[in-house]
């Protein structure tokens, strides 16, 4: 899976950048925060997520692993797709979003374009407990599944056509289980596919 992209930034727009890697230009949709951080004609590295649909392959990239992890949490919520997740993270930094969710600040969330009261409440309900586990940039997966393995497995399942919500639910179940093969990507994917196809 495409876990990260490193290359020269050749152009940037309001909601995406183009990075040249070995003569190929990758269009990577990103947040305003990430786009404002990087400069033209500069070699950069973006932490990416490949979103697979029947009619499109969309690559999303982030300046920090924390921003990508929060993005993955957001798209795991029913009713929130990648486009809205990008909009949310363009309107607020990950650390600020964490604080707003933990404090239950609905008004701050609804001030972000595209986020209504129902969506704001859903975000708070589903993410409050997870965000309280964040310590020093970690989302708390490391004690269960290594965060890189988690991301790789999530990308792999998405490329096979499973929704982020389905994939995250199964991976969290594996992470909380007693299986000793949590540190092997092949074993994790095999176990996930077994559950998804049960």
Protein backbone atom coordinates (compact mmCIF):
# COMPACT_ATOMS: atom_id res chain seq x y z
CA UNK A 1 0.00 0.00 0.00
CA UNK A 2 1.08 3.63 -0.44
CA UNK A 3 2.13 4.49 3.12
CA UNK A 4 4.08 7.64 2.29
CA UNK A 5 5.23 9.69 -0.71
CA UNK A 6 8.53 11.54 -0.84
CA UNK A 7 9.52 13.80 -3.71
CA UNK A 8 9.67 17.33 -5.07
CA UNK A 9 6.62 19.52 -4.70
CA UNK A 10 5.97 20.90 -8.18
CA UNK A 11 2.62 22.62 -7.66
CA UNK A 12 0.08 23.24 -4.94
CA UNK A 13 -3.54 24.31 -5.03
CA UNK A 14 -6.27 25.08 -2.52
CA UNK A 15 -6.97 21.45 -1.65
CA UNK A 16 -4.26 19.35 -3.29
CA UNK A 17 -0.57 19.21 -4.19
CA UNK A 18 1.37 17.47 -6.94
CA UNK A 19 4.56 15.68 -5.93
CA UNK A 20 7.01 14.42 -8.52
CA UNK A 21 8.45 10.98 -7.79
CA UNK A 22 10.79 9.50 -10.45
CA UNK A 23 9.19 11.57 -13.18
CA UNK A 24 5.61 10.76 -12.14
CA UNK A 25 3.38 13.48 -10.67
CA UNK A 26 1.14 12.28 -7.86
CA UNK A 27 -1.94 14.36 -7.12
CA UNK A 28 -2.43 14.25 -3.35
CA UNK A 29 -5.46 15.80 -1.68
CA UNK A 30 -4.59 17.40 1.63
CA UNK A 31 -5.62 19.78 4.38
CA UNK A 32 -5.07 23.52 4.35
CA UNK A 33 -2.73 23.11 7.31
CA UNK A 34 -0.47 20.68 5.46
CA UNK A 35 -0.53 22.66 2.20
CA UNK A 36 0.44 25.86 4.02
CA UNK A 37 3.33 24.08 5.74
CA UNK A 38 5.13 22.97 2.58
CA UNK A 39 6.87 25.11 -0.04
CA UNK A 40 7.26 24.85 -3.81
CA UNK A 41 10.40 23.31 -5.32
CA UNK A 42 11.12 21.62 -2.01
CA UNK A 43 11.58 17.90 -1.39
CA UNK A 44 8.88 16.81 1.01
CA UNK A 45 7.45 13.69 2.60
CA UNK A 46 3.72 13.18 3.11
CA UNK A 47 2.14 10.39 5.14
CA UNK A 48 -0.57 9.05 2.85
CA UNK A 49 -3.78 7.09 2.73
CA UNK A 50 -5.17 5.57 -0.48
CA UNK A 51 -8.97 5.67 -0.60
CA UNK A 52 -10.41 3.11 -3.02
CA UNK A 53 -13.84 3.44 -4.63
CA UNK A 54 -15.42 1.69 -7.59
CA UNK A 55 -14.91 4.74 -9.80
CA UNK A 56 -11.79 6.35 -8.31
CA UNK A 57 -8.49 5.98 -6.47
CA UNK A 58 -7.84 9.04 -4.31
CA UNK A 59 -4.59 9.64 -2.47
CA UNK A 60 -4.67 11.77 0.69
CA UNK A 61 -1.49 13.12 2.28
CA UNK A 62 -0.55 14.69 5.60
CA UNK A 63 2.46 16.54 6.97
CA UNK A 64 2.30 14.63 10.28
CA UNK A 65 1.39 11.09 11.26
CA UNK A 66 -0.93 12.52 13.92
CA UNK A 67 -2.98 14.36 11.29
CA UNK A 68 -3.28 11.16 9.27
CA UNK A 69 -4.30 9.13 12.32
CA UNK A 70 -7.02 11.65 13.19
CA UNK A 71 -8.17 11.58 9.53
CA UNK A 72 -8.48 7.78 9.71
CA UNK A 73 -10.49 8.04 12.93
CA UNK A 74 -12.83 10.57 11.34
CA UNK A 75 -13.54 8.51 8.21
CA UNK A 76 -14.24 5.54 10.46
CA UNK A 77 -17.35 7.38 11.69
CA UNK A 78 -20.57 6.66 9.82
CA UNK A 79 -21.53 9.59 7.60
CA UNK A 80 -18.06 11.12 7.42
CA UNK A 81 -16.17 10.56 4.19
CA UNK A 82 -12.64 11.63 3.24
CA UNK A 83 -13.82 14.95 1.79
CA UNK A 84 -15.53 16.04 5.02
CA UNK A 85 -12.63 14.73 7.12
CA UNK A 86 -10.22 16.90 5.07
CA UNK A 87 -12.55 19.89 5.55
CA UNK A 88 -12.64 19.31 9.31
CA UNK A 89 -8.85 19.06 9.58
CA UNK A 90 -8.48 22.14 7.37
CA UNK A 91 -10.56 24.12 9.84
CA UNK A 92 -8.84 22.98 13.01
CA UNK A 93 -5.49 21.50 14.02
CA UNK A 94 -5.49 17.88 15.30
CA UNK A 95 -4.51 18.88 18.85
CA UNK A 96 -7.23 21.55 18.96
CA UNK A 97 -9.78 19.08 17.59
CA UNK A 98 -8.79 16.62 20.32
CA UNK A 99 -9.35 19.27 23.00
CA UNK A 100 -12.74 20.30 21.56
CA UNK A 101 -13.91 16.69 21.42
CA UNK A 102 -12.76 15.85 24.95
CA UNK A 103 -14.50 18.96 26.31
CA UNK A 104 -17.65 18.24 24.27
CA UNK A 105 -17.52 21.64 22.54
CA UNK A 106 -20.28 21.20 19.95
CA UNK A 107 -20.38 24.89 18.95
CA UNK A 108 -16.71 24.88 17.91
CA UNK A 109 -17.23 21.79 15.76
CA UNK A 110 -20.36 23.15 14.09
CA UNK A 111 -18.43 26.30 13.15
CA UNK A 112 -16.48 24.13 10.68
CA UNK A 113 -18.11 24.14 7.20
CA UNK A 114 -20.09 20.97 6.54
CA UNK A 115 -20.37 19.92 10.18
CA UNK A 116 -23.91 20.10 11.54
CA UNK A 117 -25.03 19.50 15.10
CA UNK A 118 -25.79 15.80 14.54
CA UNK A 119 -22.40 15.19 12.97
CA UNK A 120 -20.64 17.12 15.76
CA UNK A 121 -22.40 15.01 18.42
CA UNK A 122 -21.53 11.81 16.56
CA UNK A 123 -17.85 12.84 16.41
CA UNK A 124 -17.79 13.56 20.15
CA UNK A 125 -19.57 10.32 21.09
CA UNK A 126 -17.34 8.12 18.92
CA UNK A 127 -13.97 9.78 19.47
CA UNK A 128 -13.98 11.17 23.00
CA UNK A 129 -12.71 7.98 24.64
CA UNK A 130 -10.09 7.42 21.92
CA UNK A 131 -8.78 10.96 22.18
CA UNK A 132 -8.40 10.75 25.94
CA UNK A 133 -5.83 7.99 25.28
CA UNK A 134 -3.65 10.26 23.15
CA UNK A 135 -0.27 10.81 24.76
CA UNK A 136 2.60 12.59 23.07
CA UNK A 137 1.16 12.24 19.58
CA UNK A 138 0.15 8.59 19.91
CA UNK A 139 -3.45 7.49 19.51
CA UNK A 140 -3.03 4.57 21.88
CA UNK A 141 -2.78 1.84 19.24
CA UNK A 142 0.86 1.03 20.03
CA UNK A 143 0.02 -1.14 23.02
CA UNK A 144 -2.33 -3.24 20.91
CA UNK A 145 -1.26 -2.90 17.28
CA UNK A 146 1.79 -1.01 16.11
CA UNK A 147 0.38 2.17 14.48
CA UNK A 148 2.31 1.57 11.22
CA UNK A 149 0.97 -2.00 11.03
CA UNK A 150 -2.50 -0.65 11.81
CA UNK A 151 -2.26 1.90 8.97
CA UNK A 152 -0.83 -0.65 6.54
CA UNK A 153 -3.56 -3.16 7.37
CA UNK A 154 -6.24 -0.48 7.06
CA UNK A 155 -4.91 0.58 3.65
CA UNK A 156 -4.69 -3.05 2.50
CA UNK A 157 -8.30 -3.79 3.48
CA UNK A 158 -9.49 -0.56 1.87
CA UNK A 159 -7.73 -1.48 -1.39
CA UNK A 160 -9.65 -4.77 -1.30
CA UNK A 161 -12.92 -2.84 -1.21
CA UNK A 162 -13.79 -2.89 2.49
CA UNK A 163 -15.02 0.35 4.03
CA UNK A 164 -12.85 2.15 6.62
CA UNK A 165 -15.59 1.59 9.19
CA UNK A 166 -15.66 -2.19 8.57
CA UNK A 167 -11.87 -2.40 8.53
CA UNK A 168 -11.34 -0.33 11.69
CA UNK A 169 -13.94 -2.37 13.59
CA UNK A 170 -12.25 -5.66 12.68
CA UNK A 171 -8.72 -4.36 13.33
CA UNK A 172 -9.74 -3.01 16.73
CA UNK A 173 -11.26 -6.41 17.53
CA UNK A 174 -7.97 -8.11 16.59
CA UNK A 175 -5.99 -5.54 18.59
CA UNK A 176 -8.09 -6.23 21.69
CA UNK A 177 -7.90 -10.01 21.26
CA UNK A 178 -5.39 -12.51 22.57
CA UNK A 179 -3.88 -13.40 19.18
CA UNK A 180 -0.08 -13.48 19.33
CA UNK A 181 0.31 -12.56 15.65
CA UNK A 182 -0.40 -8.85 16.05
CA UNK A 183 3.11 -7.85 15.01
CA UNK A 184 2.98 -9.46 11.57
CA UNK A 185 1.14 -7.62 8.77
CA UNK A 186 0.29 -10.81 6.85
CA UNK A 187 -1.20 -12.46 9.94
CA UNK A 188 -3.22 -9.34 10.80
CA UNK A 189 -4.69 -9.08 7.28
CA UNK A 190 -5.39 -12.82 7.17
CA UNK A 191 -7.22 -12.65 10.51
CA UNK A 192 -9.14 -9.55 9.39
CA UNK A 193 -10.25 -11.15 6.11
CA UNK A 194 -11.37 -14.26 8.00
CA UNK A 195 -13.60 -12.11 10.22
CA UNK A 196 -14.86 -9.93 7.37
CA UNK A 197 -15.84 -12.97 5.31
CA UNK A 198 -17.32 -14.95 8.18
